[in-house]
């Protein structure tokens, strides 16, 4: 799976109406918004789904380093 495919899948699985609205964008903007939205879902999921605060902080710090 490519990064673009991962972002597409992450965005589609979110169940958000954002995914549907992205179809009105140009292909370049759609790809950019899909990547941005997938990133936001990733970091939000870290906080929502991780019960260990140390693990969540470590993961968020990793993302900070990636940026």
PDB file of N, CA and C in Angstrom:
ATOM      1  N   UNK A   1       0.846  -1.177   0.000  1.00  0.00           N
ATOM      2  CA  UNK A   1       0.000   0.000   0.000  1.00  0.00           C
ATOM      3  C   UNK A   1       0.891   1.240   0.000  1.00  0.00           C
ATOM      4  N   UNK A   2       0.600   2.139  -0.883  1.00  0.00           N
ATOM      5  CA  UNK A   2       1.370   3.381  -0.961  1.00  0.00           C
ATOM      6  C   UNK A   2       0.881   4.355   0.123  1.00  0.00           C
ATOM      7  N   UNK A   3       1.675   5.375   0.435  1.00  0.00           N
ATOM      8  CA  UNK A   3       1.199   6.385   1.390  1.00  0.00           C
ATOM      9  C   UNK A   3      -0.109   7.038   0.942  1.00  0.00           C
ATOM     10  N   UNK A   4      -0.232   7.315  -0.349  1.00  0.00           N
ATOM     11  CA  UNK A   4      -1.465   7.925  -0.852  1.00  0.00           C
ATOM     12  C   UNK A   4      -2.658   6.991  -0.658  1.00  0.00           C
ATOM     13  N   UNK A   5      -2.457   5.710  -0.896  1.00  0.00           N
ATOM     14  CA  UNK A   5      -3.534   4.742  -0.702  1.00  0.00           C
ATOM     15  C   UNK A   5      -3.911   4.637   0.776  1.00  0.00           C
ATOM     16  N   UNK A   6      -2.900   4.662   1.635  1.00  0.00           N
ATOM     17  CA  UNK A   6      -3.161   4.615   3.078  1.00  0.00           C
ATOM     18  C   UNK A   6      -4.000   5.820   3.503  1.00  0.00           C
ATOM     19  N   UNK A   7      -3.627   7.004   3.039  1.00  0.00           N
ATOM     20  CA  UNK A   7      -4.359   8.222   3.386  1.00  0.00           C
ATOM     21  C   UNK A   7      -5.794   8.155   2.876  1.00  0.00           C
ATOM     22  N   UNK A   8      -5.956   7.673   1.662  1.00  0.00           N
ATOM     23  CA  UNK A   8      -7.291   7.523   1.079  1.00  0.00           C
ATOM     24  C   UNK A   8      -8.143   6.595   1.939  1.00  0.00           C
ATOM     25  N   UNK A   9      -7.578   5.463   2.314  1.00  0.00           N
ATOM     26  CA  UNK A   9      -8.309   4.483   3.128  1.00  0.00           C
ATOM     27  C   UNK A   9      -8.627   5.042   4.511  1.00  0.00           C
ATOM     28  N   UNK A  10      -7.670   5.691   5.131  1.00  0.00           N
ATOM     29  CA  UNK A  10      -7.864   6.285   6.462  1.00  0.00           C
ATOM     30  C   UNK A  10      -8.978   7.322   6.421  1.00  0.00           C
ATOM     31  N   UNK A  11      -8.992   8.137   5.392  1.00  0.00           N
ATOM     32  CA  UNK A  11     -10.004   9.177   5.251  1.00  0.00           C
ATOM     33  C   UNK A  11     -11.373   8.564   4.976  1.00  0.00           C
ATOM     34  N   UNK A  12     -11.416   7.587   4.101  1.00  0.00           N
ATOM     35  CA  UNK A  12     -12.681   6.930   3.760  1.00  0.00           C
ATOM     36  C   UNK A  12     -13.275   6.237   4.990  1.00  0.00           C
ATOM     37  N   UNK A  13     -12.452   5.562   5.769  1.00  0.00           N
ATOM     38  CA  UNK A  13     -12.929   4.813   6.931  1.00  0.00           C
ATOM     39  C   UNK A  13     -13.375   5.711   8.082  1.00  0.00           C
ATOM     40  N   UNK A  14     -13.017   6.981   8.039  1.00  0.00           N
ATOM     41  CA  UNK A  14     -13.365   7.874   9.145  1.00  0.00           C
ATOM     42  C   UNK A  14     -14.872   8.086   9.256  1.00  0.00           C
ATOM     43  N   UNK A  15     -15.571   7.921   8.147  1.00  0.00           N
ATOM     44  CA  UNK A  15     -17.010   8.121   8.159  1.00  0.00           C
ATOM     45  C   UNK A  15     -17.407   9.592   8.165  1.00  0.00           C
ATOM     46  N   UNK A  16     -16.459  10.458   7.954  1.00  0.00           N
ATOM     47  CA  UNK A  16     -16.718  11.895   7.963  1.00  0.00           C
ATOM     48  C   UNK A  16     -17.285  12.363   6.626  1.00  0.00           C
ATOM     49  N   UNK A  17     -18.070  13.409   6.681  1.00  0.00           N
ATOM     50  CA  UNK A  17     -18.592  13.990   5.446  1.00  0.00           C
ATOM     51  C   UNK A  17     -17.498  14.717   4.667  1.00  0.00           C
ATOM     52  N   UNK A  18     -16.352  14.952   5.300  1.00  0.00           N
ATOM     53  CA  UNK A  18     -15.239  15.574   4.590  1.00  0.00           C
ATOM     54  C   UNK A  18     -14.848  14.753   3.366  1.00  0.00           C
ATOM     55  N   UNK A  19     -14.809  13.432   3.532  1.00  0.00           N
ATOM     56  CA  UNK A  19     -14.392  12.568   2.431  1.00  0.00           C
ATOM     57  C   UNK A  19     -15.251  12.807   1.195  1.00  0.00           C
ATOM     58  N   UNK A  20     -16.546  12.882   1.393  1.00  0.00           N
ATOM     59  CA  UNK A  20     -17.450  13.106   0.259  1.00  0.00           C
ATOM     60  C   UNK A  20     -17.225  14.476  -0.371  1.00  0.00           C
ATOM     61  N   UNK A  21     -16.946  15.461   0.445  1.00  0.00           N
ATOM     62  CA  UNK A  21     -16.762  16.812  -0.091  1.00  0.00           C
ATOM     63  C   UNK A  21     -15.471  16.952  -0.895  1.00  0.00           C
ATOM     64  N   UNK A  22     -14.500  16.100  -0.637  1.00  0.00           N
ATOM     65  CA  UNK A  22     -13.216  16.183  -1.346  1.00  0.00           C
ATOM     66  C   UNK A  22     -13.376  15.912  -2.844  1.00  0.00           C
ATOM     67  N   UNK A  23     -14.437  15.240  -3.230  1.00  0.00           N
ATOM     68  CA  UNK A  23     -14.610  14.914  -4.657  1.00  0.00           C
ATOM     69  C   UNK A  23     -14.807  16.168  -5.517  1.00  0.00           C
ATOM     70  N   UNK A  24     -15.147  17.288  -4.892  1.00  0.00           N
ATOM     71  CA  UNK A  24     -15.343  18.534  -5.623  1.00  0.00           C
ATOM     72  C   UNK A  24     -14.038  19.293  -5.867  1.00  0.00           C
ATOM     73  N   UNK A  25     -12.956  18.786  -5.313  1.00  0.00           N
ATOM     74  CA  UNK A  25     -11.650  19.434  -5.469  1.00  0.00           C
ATOM     75  C   UNK A  25     -10.936  18.910  -6.714  1.00  0.00           C
ATOM     76  N   UNK A  26      -9.957  19.678  -7.166  1.00  0.00           N
ATOM     77  CA  UNK A  26      -9.103  19.187  -8.248  1.00  0.00           C
ATOM     78  C   UNK A  26      -8.323  17.978  -7.729  1.00  0.00           C
ATOM     79  N   UNK A  27      -7.832  17.117  -8.596  1.00  0.00           N
ATOM     80  CA  UNK A  27      -7.083  15.949  -8.126  1.00  0.00           C
ATOM     81  C   UNK A  27      -5.906  16.309  -7.211  1.00  0.00           C
ATOM     82  N   UNK A  28      -5.192  17.375  -7.519  1.00  0.00           N
ATOM     83  CA  UNK A  28      -4.048  17.768  -6.701  1.00  0.00           C
ATOM     84  C   UNK A  28      -4.495  18.218  -5.311  1.00  0.00           C
ATOM     85  N   UNK A  29      -5.550  19.016  -5.278  1.00  0.00           N
ATOM     86  CA  UNK A  29      -6.060  19.485  -3.981  1.00  0.00           C
ATOM     87  C   UNK A  29      -6.705  18.352  -3.206  1.00  0.00           C
ATOM     88  N   UNK A  30      -7.376  17.451  -3.895  1.00  0.00           N
ATOM     89  CA  UNK A  30      -7.974  16.298  -3.232  1.00  0.00           C
ATOM     90  C   UNK A  30      -6.902  15.456  -2.560  1.00  0.00           C
ATOM     91  N   UNK A  31      -5.803  15.222  -3.261  1.00  0.00           N
ATOM     92  CA  UNK A  31      -4.701  14.432  -2.681  1.00  0.00           C
ATOM     93  C   UNK A  31      -4.112  15.138  -1.460  1.00  0.00           C
ATOM     94  N   UNK A  32      -3.942  16.448  -1.556  1.00  0.00           N
ATOM     95  CA  UNK A  32      -3.381  17.209  -0.438  1.00  0.00           C
ATOM     96  C   UNK A  32      -4.320  17.198   0.765  1.00  0.00           C
ATOM     97  N   UNK A  33      -5.600  17.412   0.528  1.00  0.00           N
ATOM     98  CA  UNK A  33      -6.561  17.426   1.635  1.00  0.00           C
ATOM     99  C   UNK A  33      -6.727  16.042   2.258  1.00  0.00           C
ATOM    100  N   UNK A  34      -6.657  15.013   1.424  1.00  0.00           N
ATOM    101  CA  UNK A  34      -6.750  13.647   1.936  1.00  0.00           C
ATOM    102  C   UNK A  34      -5.566  13.348   2.849  1.00  0.00           C
ATOM    103  N   UNK A  35      -4.377  13.754   2.441  1.00  0.00           N
ATOM    104  CA  UNK A  35      -3.189  13.533   3.272  1.00  0.00           C
ATOM    105  C   UNK A  35      -3.287  14.316   4.576  1.00  0.00           C
ATOM    106  N   UNK A  36      -3.715  15.558   4.501  1.00  0.00           N
ATOM    107  CA  UNK A  36      -3.846  16.380   5.709  1.00  0.00           C
ATOM    108  C   UNK A  36      -4.893  15.797   6.650  1.00  0.00           C
ATOM    109  N   UNK A  37      -6.027  15.407   6.107  1.00  0.00           N
ATOM    110  CA  UNK A  37      -7.081  14.850   6.940  1.00  0.00           C
ATOM    111  C   UNK A  37      -6.630  13.528   7.571  1.00  0.00           C
ATOM    112  N   UNK A  38      -5.954  12.686   6.810  1.00  0.00           N
ATOM    113  CA  UNK A  38      -5.464  11.410   7.350  1.00  0.00           C
ATOM    114  C   UNK A  38      -4.481  11.653   8.490  1.00  0.00           C
ATOM    115  N   UNK A  39      -3.607  12.643   8.340  1.00  0.00           N
ATOM    116  CA  UNK A  39      -2.683  12.982   9.417  1.00  0.00           C
ATOM    117  C   UNK A  39      -3.452  13.405  10.666  1.00  0.00           C
ATOM    118  N   UNK A  40      -4.434  14.259  10.492  1.00  0.00           N
ATOM    119  CA  UNK A  40      -5.227  14.716  11.639  1.00  0.00           C
ATOM    120  C   UNK A  40      -5.927  13.550  12.317  1.00  0.00           C
ATOM    121  N   UNK A  41      -6.449  12.608  11.537  1.00  0.00           N
ATOM    122  CA  UNK A  41      -7.084  11.409  12.107  1.00  0.00           C
ATOM    123  C   UNK A  41      -6.059  10.587  12.885  1.00  0.00           C
ATOM    124  N   UNK A  42      -4.861  10.440  12.318  1.00  0.00           N
ATOM    125  CA  UNK A  42      -3.820   9.650  12.985  1.00  0.00           C
ATOM    126  C   UNK A  42      -3.520  10.197  14.375  1.00  0.00           C
ATOM    127  N   UNK A  43      -3.239  11.488  14.466  1.00  0.00           N
ATOM    128  CA  UNK A  43      -2.867  12.043  15.770  1.00  0.00           C
ATOM    129  C   UNK A  43      -4.071  12.087  16.712  1.00  0.00           C
ATOM    130  N   UNK A  44      -5.266  12.304  16.172  1.00  0.00           N
ATOM    131  CA  UNK A  44      -6.457  12.271  17.022  1.00  0.00           C
ATOM    132  C   UNK A  44      -6.687  10.864  17.562  1.00  0.00           C
ATOM    133  N   UNK A  45      -6.487   9.857  16.720  1.00  0.00           N
ATOM    134  CA  UNK A  45      -6.658   8.473  17.158  1.00  0.00           C
ATOM    135  C   UNK A  45      -5.656   8.098  18.246  1.00  0.00           C
ATOM    136  N   UNK A  46      -4.462   8.646  18.187  1.00  0.00           N
ATOM    137  CA  UNK A  46      -3.469   8.373  19.233  1.00  0.00           C
ATOM    138  C   UNK A  46      -4.033   8.784  20.587  1.00  0.00           C
ATOM    139  N   UNK A  47      -4.598   9.949  20.642  1.00  0.00           N
ATOM    140  CA  UNK A  47      -5.133  10.466  21.904  1.00  0.00           C
ATOM    141  C   UNK A  47      -6.402   9.719  22.311  1.00  0.00           C
ATOM    142  N   UNK A  48      -7.270   9.448  21.347  1.00  0.00           N
ATOM    143  CA  UNK A  48      -8.550   8.809  21.657  1.00  0.00           C
ATOM    144  C   UNK A  48      -8.432   7.323  21.984  1.00  0.00           C
ATOM    145  N   UNK A  49      -7.486   6.633  21.361  1.00  0.00           N
ATOM    146  CA  UNK A  49      -7.451   5.176  21.451  1.00  0.00           C
ATOM    147  C   UNK A  49      -6.319   4.620  22.303  1.00  0.00           C
ATOM    148  N   UNK A  50      -5.451   5.479  22.818  1.00  0.00           N
ATOM    149  CA  UNK A  50      -4.321   5.004  23.624  1.00  0.00           C
ATOM    150  C   UNK A  50      -4.600   5.298  25.084  1.00  0.00           C
ATOM    151  N   UNK A  51      -4.693   4.238  25.881  1.00  0.00           N
ATOM    152  CA  UNK A  51      -5.003   4.420  27.298  1.00  0.00           C
ATOM    153  C   UNK A  51      -3.768   4.761  28.130  1.00  0.00           C
ATOM    154  N   UNK A  52      -2.595   4.484  27.619  1.00  0.00           N
ATOM    155  CA  UNK A  52      -1.351   4.766  28.327  1.00  0.00           C
ATOM    156  C   UNK A  52      -0.826   6.132  27.888  1.00  0.00           C
ATOM    157  N   UNK A  53      -0.831   7.082  28.805  1.00  0.00           N
ATOM    158  CA  UNK A  53      -0.416   8.452  28.483  1.00  0.00           C
ATOM    159  C   UNK A  53       1.030   8.506  27.993  1.00  0.00           C
ATOM    160  N   UNK A  54       1.887   7.663  28.520  1.00  0.00           N
ATOM    161  CA  UNK A  54       3.290   7.653  28.083  1.00  0.00           C
ATOM    162  C   UNK A  54       3.407   7.204  26.623  1.00  0.00           C
ATOM    163  N   UNK A  55       2.650   6.191  26.257  1.00  0.00           N
ATOM    164  CA  UNK A  55       2.657   5.705  24.875  1.00  0.00           C
ATOM    165  C   UNK A  55       2.106   6.790  23.945  1.00  0.00           C
ATOM    166  N   UNK A  56       1.026   7.433  24.356  1.00  0.00           N
ATOM    167  CA  UNK A  56       0.449   8.497  23.539  1.00  0.00           C
ATOM    168  C   UNK A  56       1.447   9.636  23.356  1.00  0.00           C
ATOM    169  N   UNK A  57       2.099  10.058  24.434  1.00  0.00           N
ATOM    170  CA  UNK A  57       3.077  11.151  24.352  1.00  0.00           C
ATOM    171  C   UNK A  57       4.250  10.765  23.466  1.00  0.00           C
ATOM    172  N   UNK A  58       4.714   9.543  23.576  1.00  0.00           N
ATOM    173  CA  UNK A  58       5.829   9.072  22.758  1.00  0.00           C
ATOM    174  C   UNK A  58       5.440   9.074  21.278  1.00  0.00           C
ATOM    175  N   UNK A  59       4.250   8.600  20.990  1.00  0.00           N
ATOM    176  CA  UNK A  59       3.784   8.567  19.606  1.00  0.00           C
ATOM    177  C   UNK A  59       3.624   9.975  19.043  1.00  0.00           C
ATOM    178  N   UNK A  60       3.027  10.871  19.821  1.00  0.00           N
ATOM    179  CA  UNK A  60       2.865  12.248  19.361  1.00  0.00           C
ATOM    180  C   UNK A  60       4.221  12.934  19.176  1.00  0.00           C
ATOM    181  N   UNK A  61       5.176  12.640  20.039  1.00  0.00           N
ATOM    182  CA  UNK A  61       6.528  13.194  19.865  1.00  0.00           C
ATOM    183  C   UNK A  61       7.186  12.654  18.605  1.00  0.00           C
ATOM    184  N   UNK A  62       6.924  11.397  18.282  1.00  0.00           N
ATOM    185  CA  UNK A  62       7.450  10.834  17.036  1.00  0.00           C
ATOM    186  C   UNK A  62       6.882  11.615  15.852  1.00  0.00           C
ATOM    187  N   UNK A  63       5.564  11.845  15.862  1.00  0.00           N
ATOM    188  CA  UNK A  63       4.939  12.606  14.789  1.00  0.00           C
ATOM    189  C   UNK A  63       5.531  14.011  14.709  1.00  0.00           C
ATOM    190  N   UNK A  64       5.770  14.632  15.861  1.00  0.00           N
ATOM    191  CA  UNK A  64       6.364  15.967  15.880  1.00  0.00           C
ATOM    192  C   UNK A  64       7.721  15.942  15.181  1.00  0.00           C
ATOM    193  N   UNK A  65       8.490  14.926  15.445  1.00  0.00           N
ATOM    194  CA  UNK A  65       9.795  14.780  14.796  1.00  0.00           C
ATOM    195  C   UNK A  65       9.677  14.584  13.286  1.00  0.00           C
ATOM    196  N   UNK A  66       8.642  13.853  12.883  1.00  0.00           N
ATOM    197  CA  UNK A  66       8.427  13.620  11.458  1.00  0.00           C
ATOM    198  C   UNK A  66       8.087  14.911  10.713  1.00  0.00           C
ATOM    199  N   UNK A  67       7.388  15.785  11.401  1.00  0.00           N
ATOM    200  CA  UNK A  67       7.012  17.057  10.773  1.00  0.00           C
ATOM    201  C   UNK A  67       8.212  17.964  10.663  1.00  0.00           C
TER     202      UNK A  67
END
